[in-house]
N, C-alpha and C. Protein backbone atom coordinates (compact mmCIF):
# COMPACT_ATOMS: atom_id res chain seq x y z
N MET A 1 -2.16 30.80 5.03
CA MET A 1 -2.72 31.89 6.18
C MET A 1 -3.60 30.86 6.81
N ASN A 2 -3.75 31.42 8.45
CA ASN A 2 -4.49 30.75 9.26
C ASN A 2 -5.50 31.75 9.58
N GLY A 3 -6.24 31.55 10.63
CA GLY A 3 -7.67 32.70 10.64
C GLY A 3 -7.28 33.58 12.06
N ASN A 4 -7.39 34.86 11.68
CA ASN A 4 -7.48 35.83 12.59
C ASN A 4 -8.42 36.86 12.40
N ASP A 5 -9.69 36.78 12.83
CA ASP A 5 -10.87 37.52 12.64
C ASP A 5 -10.71 38.80 13.27
N THR A 6 -9.76 39.52 13.88
CA THR A 6 -9.25 40.85 14.41
C THR A 6 -9.40 41.58 13.21
N ALA A 7 -9.43 42.72 13.73
CA ALA A 7 -9.27 44.12 12.66
C ALA A 7 -8.19 44.16 12.10
N PHE A 8 -7.11 44.03 13.00
CA PHE A 8 -6.06 43.93 12.59
C PHE A 8 -5.70 42.36 11.30
N GLY A 9 -5.89 41.08 11.83
CA GLY A 9 -5.97 40.56 10.61
C GLY A 9 -6.86 40.82 9.48
N LYS A 10 -8.03 40.97 9.84
CA LYS A 10 -8.66 41.26 8.46
C LYS A 10 -7.90 42.05 7.36
N GLU A 11 -7.47 43.55 7.76
CA GLU A 11 -6.82 44.49 7.17
C GLU A 11 -5.42 43.97 6.66
N ILE A 12 -4.41 42.92 7.24
CA ILE A 12 -3.56 41.90 6.72
C ILE A 12 -3.89 41.03 5.52
N TYR A 13 -5.34 40.45 5.79
CA TYR A 13 -5.80 39.83 4.46
C TYR A 13 -5.90 40.77 3.46
N ASN A 14 -6.68 41.80 3.60
CA ASN A 14 -7.13 42.64 2.36
C ASN A 14 -5.65 43.23 1.68
N ARG A 15 -4.43 43.62 2.68
CA ARG A 15 -3.06 44.04 2.22
C ARG A 15 -2.82 43.13 1.22
N ILE A 16 -2.96 41.57 1.52
CA ILE A 16 -2.16 40.72 0.79
C ILE A 16 -3.14 40.56 -0.72
N VAL A 17 -3.97 40.86 -0.32
CA VAL A 17 -5.05 40.43 -1.77
C VAL A 17 -4.95 41.91 -2.63
N ASP A 18 -4.74 43.16 -1.79
CA ASP A 18 -4.51 44.15 -2.64
C ASP A 18 -3.26 44.44 -3.32
N GLU A 19 -2.25 43.71 -2.29
CA GLU A 19 -0.56 44.09 -3.22
C GLU A 19 -0.68 42.71 -4.23
N GLY A 20 -1.77 42.28 -4.62
CA GLY A 20 -1.57 41.14 -5.57
C GLY A 20 -0.98 39.75 -5.23
N HIS A 21 -0.51 39.47 -3.93
CA HIS A 21 -0.07 38.42 -3.57
C HIS A 21 -1.20 37.10 -3.18
N ALA A 22 -0.64 36.01 -3.29
CA ALA A 22 -1.60 34.93 -3.28
C ALA A 22 -1.96 34.67 -1.75
N ILE A 23 -2.93 34.06 -1.69
CA ILE A 23 -3.72 33.84 -0.36
C ILE A 23 -4.08 32.22 -0.04
N GLY A 24 -3.63 31.75 0.53
CA GLY A 24 -3.66 30.30 0.71
C GLY A 24 -4.25 29.87 1.53
N ASN A 25 -5.20 28.64 1.93
CA ASN A 25 -5.58 27.97 3.29
C ASN A 25 -4.88 27.22 3.79
N HIS A 26 -4.42 27.36 5.14
CA HIS A 26 -3.52 26.43 6.14
C HIS A 26 -4.31 26.45 7.47
N THR A 27 -5.64 26.02 7.19
CA THR A 27 -6.28 26.03 8.25
C THR A 27 -6.59 26.85 8.98
N TYR A 28 -7.82 27.20 9.47
CA TYR A 28 -8.22 28.29 10.53
C TYR A 28 -7.03 28.21 11.78
N ASN A 29 -6.60 27.34 12.63
CA ASN A 29 -6.05 27.33 13.56
C ASN A 29 -4.48 26.72 13.77
N HIS A 30 -4.40 25.86 12.58
CA HIS A 30 -3.21 25.06 12.63
C HIS A 30 -2.72 24.13 14.22
N ASN A 31 -3.56 24.18 14.72
CA ASN A 31 -3.81 23.14 15.88
C ASN A 31 -3.58 21.61 15.35
N TYR A 32 -2.45 20.83 15.67
CA TYR A 32 -2.40 19.47 15.12
C TYR A 32 -3.54 18.87 15.96
N SER A 33 -3.89 18.97 17.05
CA SER A 33 -4.65 18.42 18.16
C SER A 33 -5.92 18.63 17.64
N ILE A 34 -6.32 19.44 16.86
CA ILE A 34 -8.06 19.00 16.46
C ILE A 34 -8.12 19.40 15.14
N ASN A 35 -6.93 19.64 14.25
CA ASN A 35 -6.99 19.49 12.69
C ASN A 35 -6.80 18.12 12.60
N TYR A 36 -5.85 17.52 12.76
CA TYR A 36 -6.02 15.69 12.59
C TYR A 36 -6.78 14.97 13.56
N THR A 37 -7.73 15.14 14.28
CA THR A 37 -7.99 14.41 15.07
C THR A 37 -9.34 13.59 14.55
N SER A 38 -10.05 14.18 13.53
CA SER A 38 -10.72 13.87 12.81
C SER A 38 -10.62 14.43 11.71
N LEU A 39 -11.71 13.81 10.20
CA LEU A 39 -11.90 14.52 9.07
C LEU A 39 -12.82 15.62 9.62
N ASP A 40 -14.10 15.26 10.21
CA ASP A 40 -14.43 16.37 9.95
C ASP A 40 -14.53 17.58 11.00
N SER A 41 -13.27 17.19 12.22
CA SER A 41 -12.73 18.82 12.21
C SER A 41 -11.57 19.37 11.74
N PHE A 42 -10.97 18.43 10.53
CA PHE A 42 -10.21 19.00 9.71
C PHE A 42 -11.00 20.11 8.64
N ILE A 43 -12.02 19.21 8.27
CA ILE A 43 -13.04 20.30 7.67
C ILE A 43 -13.54 21.43 7.98
N GLN A 44 -13.99 21.26 9.23
CA GLN A 44 -14.11 22.52 10.03
C GLN A 44 -13.43 23.70 10.01
N ASN A 45 -11.94 23.41 10.13
CA ASN A 45 -11.18 24.44 9.97
C ASN A 45 -10.94 24.92 8.83
N VAL A 46 -10.74 23.85 7.82
CA VAL A 46 -10.69 24.52 5.83
C VAL A 46 -11.72 25.53 5.78
N GLU A 47 -13.23 25.07 6.26
CA GLU A 47 -13.81 25.73 5.73
C GLU A 47 -14.48 26.92 6.53
N SER A 48 -13.90 26.85 7.71
CA SER A 48 -13.75 28.06 8.95
C SER A 48 -13.10 29.24 7.90
N LEU A 49 -11.72 29.07 7.76
CA LEU A 49 -10.82 29.77 6.89
C LEU A 49 -11.43 30.18 5.87
N GLU A 50 -11.97 29.54 4.67
CA GLU A 50 -12.73 30.01 3.75
C GLU A 50 -13.30 30.96 3.76
N ALA A 51 -14.16 30.92 4.76
CA ALA A 51 -15.62 31.90 4.65
C ALA A 51 -14.79 33.02 5.69
N LEU A 52 -14.01 33.07 6.40
CA LEU A 52 -13.48 34.35 6.98
C LEU A 52 -12.64 35.08 5.57
N ILE A 53 -12.07 34.37 4.81
CA ILE A 53 -11.05 34.79 4.05
C ILE A 53 -11.80 35.30 3.13
N TYR A 54 -13.40 34.96 2.50
CA TYR A 54 -13.81 34.95 1.54
C TYR A 54 -14.67 36.69 1.91
N ASP A 55 -15.40 36.29 3.13
CA ASP A 55 -16.13 37.33 3.67
C ASP A 55 -15.28 38.63 3.98
N THR A 56 -13.97 38.48 3.97
CA THR A 56 -13.50 39.53 4.04
C THR A 56 -12.57 40.08 2.96
N THR A 57 -12.49 39.25 1.92
CA THR A 57 -11.46 39.91 0.79
C THR A 57 -12.59 39.70 -0.61
N GLY A 58 -13.45 38.42 -0.60
CA GLY A 58 -13.92 38.14 -1.81
C GLY A 58 -12.94 37.43 -2.39
N VAL A 59 -12.16 36.82 -2.08
CA VAL A 59 -11.22 35.56 -2.73
C VAL A 59 -11.71 34.44 -2.31
N THR A 60 -11.80 33.36 -2.89
CA THR A 60 -11.96 32.15 -3.07
C THR A 60 -10.40 31.51 -3.09
N MET A 61 -10.47 30.86 -2.22
CA MET A 61 -8.82 30.42 -1.91
C MET A 61 -8.57 28.97 -3.11
N ASP A 62 -7.90 28.74 -3.76
CA ASP A 62 -8.09 27.54 -4.25
C ASP A 62 -6.35 26.85 -3.98
N ILE A 63 -5.37 27.16 -3.52
CA ILE A 63 -4.27 26.92 -2.81
C ILE A 63 -4.08 26.48 -1.30
N PHE A 64 -3.39 25.62 -0.91
CA PHE A 64 -3.39 24.84 0.25
C PHE A 64 -1.80 24.39 0.83
N ARG A 65 -2.00 24.67 2.31
CA ARG A 65 -0.82 23.78 2.78
C ARG A 65 -0.85 23.34 4.00
N PHE A 66 -1.00 21.67 4.25
CA PHE A 66 -1.41 21.14 5.32
C PHE A 66 -0.13 21.76 6.30
N PRO A 67 -0.74 21.78 7.76
CA PRO A 67 -0.05 22.17 8.65
C PRO A 67 0.87 20.87 8.99
N GLY A 68 2.52 20.75 8.88
CA GLY A 68 3.28 19.89 9.06
C GLY A 68 3.62 19.05 7.78
N GLY A 69 2.75 19.83 6.57
CA GLY A 69 3.03 18.96 5.00
C GLY A 69 2.29 17.65 5.13
N SER A 70 2.08 17.57 4.17
CA SER A 70 1.29 16.12 3.61
C SER A 70 1.49 15.05 3.67
N ASN A 71 3.12 14.87 4.55
CA ASN A 71 3.06 13.52 4.44
C ASN A 71 3.74 13.42 6.26
N ASN A 72 3.36 14.75 7.24
CA ASN A 72 3.56 14.79 8.72
C ASN A 72 3.27 13.64 9.25
N THR A 73 4.13 13.23 10.16
CA THR A 73 3.90 11.89 11.29
C THR A 73 3.36 12.90 12.68
N VAL A 74 3.01 13.76 12.64
CA VAL A 74 2.64 14.41 14.01
C VAL A 74 1.12 13.98 14.17
N HIS A 75 0.38 13.58 12.89
CA HIS A 75 -1.11 13.26 12.92
C HIS A 75 -1.54 12.00 13.58
N LYS A 76 -0.45 11.11 13.63
CA LYS A 76 -0.63 9.83 14.40
C LYS A 76 -1.12 9.88 15.82
N ARG A 77 -0.37 11.26 16.69
CA ARG A 77 -0.69 11.29 17.93
C ARG A 77 -2.23 11.40 18.40
N TYR A 78 -2.68 12.07 17.26
CA TYR A 78 -4.18 12.39 17.15
C TYR A 78 -5.28 11.84 16.73
N GLY A 79 -4.87 11.06 15.61
CA GLY A 79 -6.38 10.64 14.91
C GLY A 79 -5.74 9.45 14.36
N PRO A 80 -7.02 8.42 13.20
CA PRO A 80 -6.72 7.91 13.15
C PRO A 80 -5.87 7.21 11.63
N GLN A 81 -4.99 6.62 11.58
CA GLN A 81 -3.53 5.91 10.53
C GLN A 81 -4.40 6.88 9.23
N SER A 82 -5.62 6.63 8.83
CA SER A 82 -6.34 7.18 7.59
C SER A 82 -6.26 8.72 7.59
N ILE A 83 -5.88 9.36 8.77
CA ILE A 83 -6.28 10.91 8.52
C ILE A 83 -5.60 11.63 7.47
N MET A 84 -4.43 11.31 7.15
CA MET A 84 -3.78 11.83 6.19
C MET A 84 -4.44 12.06 4.79
N LEU A 85 -4.73 10.22 4.49
CA LEU A 85 -5.02 10.14 3.09
C LEU A 85 -6.48 10.68 2.86
N ASP A 86 -7.17 10.87 4.61
CA ASP A 86 -8.37 11.37 4.14
C ASP A 86 -8.84 12.64 3.72
N THR A 87 -7.60 13.45 4.29
CA THR A 87 -7.65 15.13 4.10
C THR A 87 -7.17 15.32 3.01
N ILE A 88 -6.24 14.40 2.41
CA ILE A 88 -5.64 14.83 1.08
C ILE A 88 -6.59 14.80 -0.01
N GLU A 89 -7.26 13.43 0.06
CA GLU A 89 -8.37 13.20 -0.55
C GLU A 89 -9.58 14.50 -0.68
N TYR A 90 -9.82 14.97 0.64
CA TYR A 90 -11.18 16.05 0.74
C TYR A 90 -10.23 17.55 -0.09
N ILE A 91 -9.13 17.62 0.24
CA ILE A 91 -8.55 19.14 -0.20
C ILE A 91 -8.83 18.79 -1.46
N GLU A 92 -7.99 17.54 -2.19
CA GLU A 92 -8.41 17.73 -3.64
C GLU A 92 -9.58 17.52 -4.26
N ASN A 93 -10.51 17.06 -3.81
CA ASN A 93 -11.95 17.01 -4.26
C ASN A 93 -12.80 18.47 -3.94
N ARG A 94 -12.13 19.04 -2.83
CA ARG A 94 -12.54 20.49 -2.88
C ARG A 94 -11.98 21.71 -4.19
N GLY A 95 -11.32 21.29 -4.91
CA GLY A 95 -10.32 21.92 -5.79
C GLY A 95 -9.25 22.75 -5.47
N TYR A 96 -8.63 22.30 -4.51
CA TYR A 96 -7.47 22.94 -4.45
C TYR A 96 -6.30 22.54 -4.93
N GLN A 97 -5.18 22.91 -5.18
CA GLN A 97 -4.00 22.23 -5.11
C GLN A 97 -3.19 22.59 -3.66
N TYR A 98 -2.73 21.73 -3.40
CA TYR A 98 -2.03 21.85 -2.16
C TYR A 98 -0.54 21.31 -2.44
N PHE A 99 0.50 22.39 -1.82
CA PHE A 99 1.80 22.48 -1.93
C PHE A 99 2.47 22.08 -0.83
N ASP A 100 3.90 21.40 -1.17
CA ASP A 100 4.73 20.97 0.02
C ASP A 100 5.72 21.76 -0.50
N TRP A 101 7.18 21.66 0.39
CA TRP A 101 8.17 22.44 0.35
C TRP A 101 9.39 21.40 -0.51
N SER A 102 10.03 22.03 -1.42
CA SER A 102 11.48 21.36 -1.55
C SER A 102 12.90 21.85 -0.66
N LEU A 103 12.34 22.88 0.07
CA LEU A 103 13.61 23.35 0.82
C LEU A 103 13.44 23.93 1.96
N ASP A 104 13.44 23.48 3.33
CA ASP A 104 13.39 24.09 4.63
C ASP A 104 13.96 24.83 4.91
N SER A 105 13.51 26.64 5.16
CA SER A 105 14.40 27.20 5.65
C SER A 105 15.11 26.92 7.28
N ARG A 106 14.12 26.33 7.80
CA ARG A 106 14.49 25.96 9.30
C ARG A 106 14.00 26.97 10.23
N ASP A 107 13.59 27.75 9.91
CA ASP A 107 13.02 28.76 10.80
C ASP A 107 12.14 28.60 11.93
N ALA A 108 11.45 27.09 11.78
CA ALA A 108 10.78 26.58 13.08
C ALA A 108 11.34 25.85 13.99
N LEU A 109 12.63 25.65 13.94
CA LEU A 109 13.65 24.77 14.70
C LEU A 109 13.36 25.26 16.38
N ALA A 110 12.96 26.67 16.57
CA ALA A 110 12.84 27.26 17.71
C ALA A 110 11.92 28.35 17.22
N VAL A 111 11.65 28.83 18.82
CA VAL A 111 10.74 30.34 18.77
C VAL A 111 11.04 31.13 17.90
N THR A 112 12.57 31.32 18.18
CA THR A 112 13.32 32.50 17.10
C THR A 112 14.77 31.54 16.80
N VAL A 113 15.25 31.38 15.74
CA VAL A 113 16.18 30.51 15.03
C VAL A 113 17.19 31.59 14.43
N SER A 114 18.23 32.03 14.63
CA SER A 114 19.49 32.82 13.94
C SER A 114 19.14 33.14 12.67
N LYS A 115 19.14 34.41 12.62
CA LYS A 115 19.31 34.97 10.98
C LYS A 115 20.71 34.43 10.21
N GLU A 116 21.27 33.98 10.59
CA GLU A 116 22.63 33.56 10.15
C GLU A 116 22.08 31.73 10.01
N GLU A 117 21.38 30.92 10.59
CA GLU A 117 20.75 29.76 10.44
C GLU A 117 20.41 29.82 9.65
N ILE A 118 19.31 30.69 9.24
CA ILE A 118 18.14 30.71 8.31
C ILE A 118 18.92 30.74 7.21
N LEU A 119 20.24 31.66 6.78
CA LEU A 119 20.83 32.36 5.86
C LEU A 119 21.36 30.93 5.10
N SER A 120 22.24 29.90 6.10
CA SER A 120 22.82 28.89 5.88
C SER A 120 22.05 27.71 5.22
N SER A 121 20.75 27.73 6.21
CA SER A 121 19.96 26.38 5.58
C SER A 121 19.18 26.82 3.98
N VAL A 122 19.01 28.14 3.57
CA VAL A 122 18.52 28.09 2.08
C VAL A 122 19.84 28.35 1.46
N LEU A 123 20.94 29.26 1.83
CA LEU A 123 22.06 29.13 0.50
C LEU A 123 22.73 27.77 0.37
N ASN A 124 22.47 27.10 1.60
CA ASN A 124 23.79 25.96 1.18
C ASN A 124 22.87 24.84 0.83
N GLY A 125 21.33 24.80 1.15
CA GLY A 125 20.33 23.61 0.56
C GLY A 125 19.94 23.84 -1.06
N ILE A 126 19.96 25.55 -1.26
CA ILE A 126 19.31 25.50 -3.03
C ILE A 126 20.10 24.66 -3.91
N GLY A 127 21.32 24.46 -3.99
CA GLY A 127 21.80 23.64 -4.76
C GLY A 127 21.71 23.93 -6.22
N ASN A 128 21.28 22.52 -6.86
CA ASN A 128 20.88 23.29 -8.28
C ASN A 128 19.60 23.14 -8.64
N LYS A 129 18.70 23.22 -7.58
CA LYS A 129 17.28 23.00 -7.72
C LYS A 129 16.86 24.42 -8.70
N ARG A 130 16.31 23.96 -9.40
CA ARG A 130 15.29 25.01 -10.30
C ARG A 130 14.02 25.38 -9.89
N ASN A 131 13.36 24.66 -9.73
CA ASN A 131 12.03 24.88 -9.42
C ASN A 131 12.04 24.74 -7.68
N VAL A 132 11.69 26.05 -7.03
CA VAL A 132 12.00 25.51 -5.80
C VAL A 132 10.74 26.09 -4.61
N ASN A 133 9.98 25.39 -4.06
CA ASN A 133 9.24 25.88 -2.80
C ASN A 133 9.76 25.88 -1.37
N ILE A 134 10.38 27.25 -1.03
CA ILE A 134 10.94 27.33 0.41
C ILE A 134 10.15 27.69 1.47
N LEU A 135 10.08 26.95 2.49
CA LEU A 135 9.23 27.05 3.44
C LEU A 135 9.91 27.98 4.73
N PHE A 136 8.79 29.25 4.83
CA PHE A 136 9.12 30.08 5.37
C PHE A 136 7.94 30.26 6.59
N HIS A 137 8.24 30.85 7.50
CA HIS A 137 7.13 31.16 8.40
C HIS A 137 7.04 32.67 9.15
N ASP A 138 5.63 32.97 8.97
CA ASP A 138 5.53 34.62 9.34
C ASP A 138 5.15 34.68 10.56
N SER A 139 5.03 33.88 11.34
CA SER A 139 3.92 34.45 12.82
C SER A 139 5.18 35.55 13.72
N TRP A 140 4.21 36.34 14.44
CA TRP A 140 5.15 37.06 15.13
C TRP A 140 6.65 37.04 15.67
N PRO A 141 6.87 35.72 16.37
CA PRO A 141 8.29 35.78 16.56
C PRO A 141 9.19 35.24 15.51
N LYS A 142 8.86 35.05 14.53
CA LYS A 142 9.85 35.03 13.18
C LYS A 142 10.46 36.45 13.13
N THR A 143 10.79 37.17 13.62
CA THR A 143 11.46 38.40 13.01
C THR A 143 13.16 37.93 12.32
N THR A 144 13.67 37.30 12.53
CA THR A 144 15.14 36.82 12.01
C THR A 144 14.64 36.26 10.65
N THR A 145 13.38 35.72 10.35
CA THR A 145 13.27 35.25 9.06
C THR A 145 12.90 36.39 8.26
N VAL A 146 12.53 37.30 8.74
CA VAL A 146 12.31 39.01 7.79
C VAL A 146 13.80 39.45 7.89
N GLU A 147 14.62 39.28 8.49
CA GLU A 147 16.04 39.76 8.49
C GLU A 147 16.55 39.43 7.30
N ALA A 148 16.47 37.68 7.46
CA ALA A 148 17.43 37.03 6.35
C ALA A 148 16.75 37.15 5.08
N LEU A 149 15.42 37.67 4.69
CA LEU A 149 14.98 37.35 3.60
C LEU A 149 15.61 38.25 2.40
N PRO A 150 16.18 39.32 2.66
CA PRO A 150 16.32 40.26 1.70
C PRO A 150 17.94 39.93 1.12
N GLU A 151 18.70 39.27 1.84
CA GLU A 151 19.88 38.70 1.42
C GLU A 151 19.40 37.65 0.33
N ILE A 152 18.40 36.76 1.18
CA ILE A 152 18.26 35.22 0.35
C ILE A 152 17.67 35.79 -1.09
N ILE A 153 16.63 36.68 -1.00
CA ILE A 153 16.34 37.23 -2.58
C ILE A 153 17.38 37.90 -3.31
N ASP A 154 18.25 38.52 -2.79
CA ASP A 154 19.17 39.11 -3.53
C ASP A 154 20.06 37.82 -4.32
N TYR A 155 20.39 36.87 -3.33
CA TYR A 155 21.13 35.53 -3.60
C TYR A 155 20.26 34.85 -4.79
N LEU A 156 19.18 34.75 -4.59
CA LEU A 156 18.42 33.89 -5.31
C LEU A 156 18.68 34.74 -6.90
N ILE A 157 18.15 35.77 -6.86
CA ILE A 157 18.19 36.87 -7.72
C ILE A 157 19.08 36.51 -9.01
N GLU A 158 20.43 36.50 -8.00
CA GLU A 158 21.67 36.76 -8.60
C GLU A 158 22.05 35.46 -9.47
N LYS A 159 21.57 34.93 -8.91
CA LYS A 159 21.80 32.74 -9.66
C LYS A 159 20.48 32.96 -10.56
N GLU A 160 19.53 33.91 -10.95
CA GLU A 160 18.49 33.69 -12.01
C GLU A 160 17.41 33.25 -11.78
N TYR A 161 17.00 33.23 -10.08
CA TYR A 161 15.87 32.51 -9.93
C TYR A 161 15.00 33.63 -10.29
N THR A 162 13.39 33.27 -10.45
CA THR A 162 12.07 34.18 -10.62
C THR A 162 11.39 33.66 -9.03
N PHE A 163 10.54 34.78 -9.17
CA PHE A 163 9.73 34.95 -8.10
C PHE A 163 8.36 34.93 -8.85
N GLU A 164 7.34 34.43 -7.86
CA GLU A 164 6.24 34.12 -8.72
C GLU A 164 4.93 34.01 -7.73
N SER A 165 3.67 34.51 -7.63
CA SER A 165 2.61 34.31 -6.52
C SER A 165 2.45 32.66 -6.79
N LEU A 166 1.66 31.81 -6.03
CA LEU A 166 1.32 30.76 -6.23
C LEU A 166 0.01 30.78 -6.59
N THR A 167 -0.02 30.11 -7.88
CA THR A 167 -1.37 29.73 -8.30
C THR A 167 -1.87 28.10 -8.22
N LYS A 168 -2.88 27.59 -8.58
CA LYS A 168 -3.21 26.57 -8.42
C LYS A 168 -2.44 25.73 -9.53
N ASP A 169 -2.34 26.39 -10.66
CA ASP A 169 -1.60 26.14 -11.69
C ASP A 169 0.02 26.21 -11.46
N SER A 170 0.80 26.58 -10.76
CA SER A 170 1.93 26.69 -10.65
C SER A 170 2.61 25.23 -10.12
N HIS A 171 4.12 25.27 -10.25
CA HIS A 171 4.92 23.87 -10.24
C HIS A 171 4.38 23.44 -8.47
N TYR A 172 4.53 22.63 -8.31
CA TYR A 172 3.67 22.00 -7.08
C TYR A 172 4.81 20.69 -6.44
N ILE A 173 5.07 20.83 -5.41
CA ILE A 173 6.03 19.77 -4.35
C ILE A 173 4.74 19.16 -3.93
N HIS A 174 4.51 17.81 -3.68
CA HIS A 174 3.82 16.79 -3.15
C HIS A 174 4.75 15.81 -2.39
N PHE A 175 4.72 15.97 -1.26
CA PHE A 175 5.40 14.76 -0.31
C PHE A 175 4.95 13.51 -0.78
N GLU A 176 5.94 12.34 -0.63
CA GLU A 176 5.16 11.09 -0.86
C GLU A 176 5.14 10.61 0.55
N TYR A 177 3.59 10.17 0.70
CA TYR A 177 2.90 9.69 1.92
C TYR A 177 3.16 8.16 1.92
N ILE A 178 4.12 7.85 3.25
CA ILE A 178 4.36 6.22 3.03
C ILE A 178 3.36 6.07 4.49
N ILE A 179 3.03 4.92 3.98
CA ILE A 179 1.85 4.22 4.98
C ILE A 179 2.61 3.32 6.16
N ASP A 180 2.66 3.46 7.29
CA ASP A 180 2.94 2.84 8.49
C ASP A 180 2.17 1.87 9.03
N TYR A 181 2.14 0.49 8.59
CA TYR A 181 1.28 -0.35 9.23
C TYR A 181 1.87 -0.29 10.53
N PRO A 182 0.94 -0.72 11.63
CA PRO A 182 1.58 -1.22 13.12
C PRO A 182 2.06 -2.53 12.45
């Protein structure tokens, strides 16, 4: 989740919790130029969302996804070389399990990606993978992601996949971080 302290945002957070879904930290604002400028800025965004979610739902989050993933290269435009390693260390020391993905639905390649392209990305990309964390986005313009989900879910059920809410103890994917020395 990202931060939304409107009445609607708080309603969504409570609905997520009330329906038994996991709620994880994805930083308050998902703004690369703020999150990856410094460790202090990153910490402020993580802790701001923690406070909002706890104050709204009573839930202490312990799962996390880095904006851009744990090995993103976009951070190089905004902060020091060490920022990703520093943020990973902070997240782990804070008690979070962080998750990357093993399959990208590619629904973020454009503001709106066709339902067919999302279906193709997932159904062709699944292969023989058994423990799969699929990256989807749920921001307001991602209507085609919502349209593709029923077919994706039906396909995966037919292939005997199961669905579980993420917990700190769930199977996780961590990308390999490659240090790129200048």
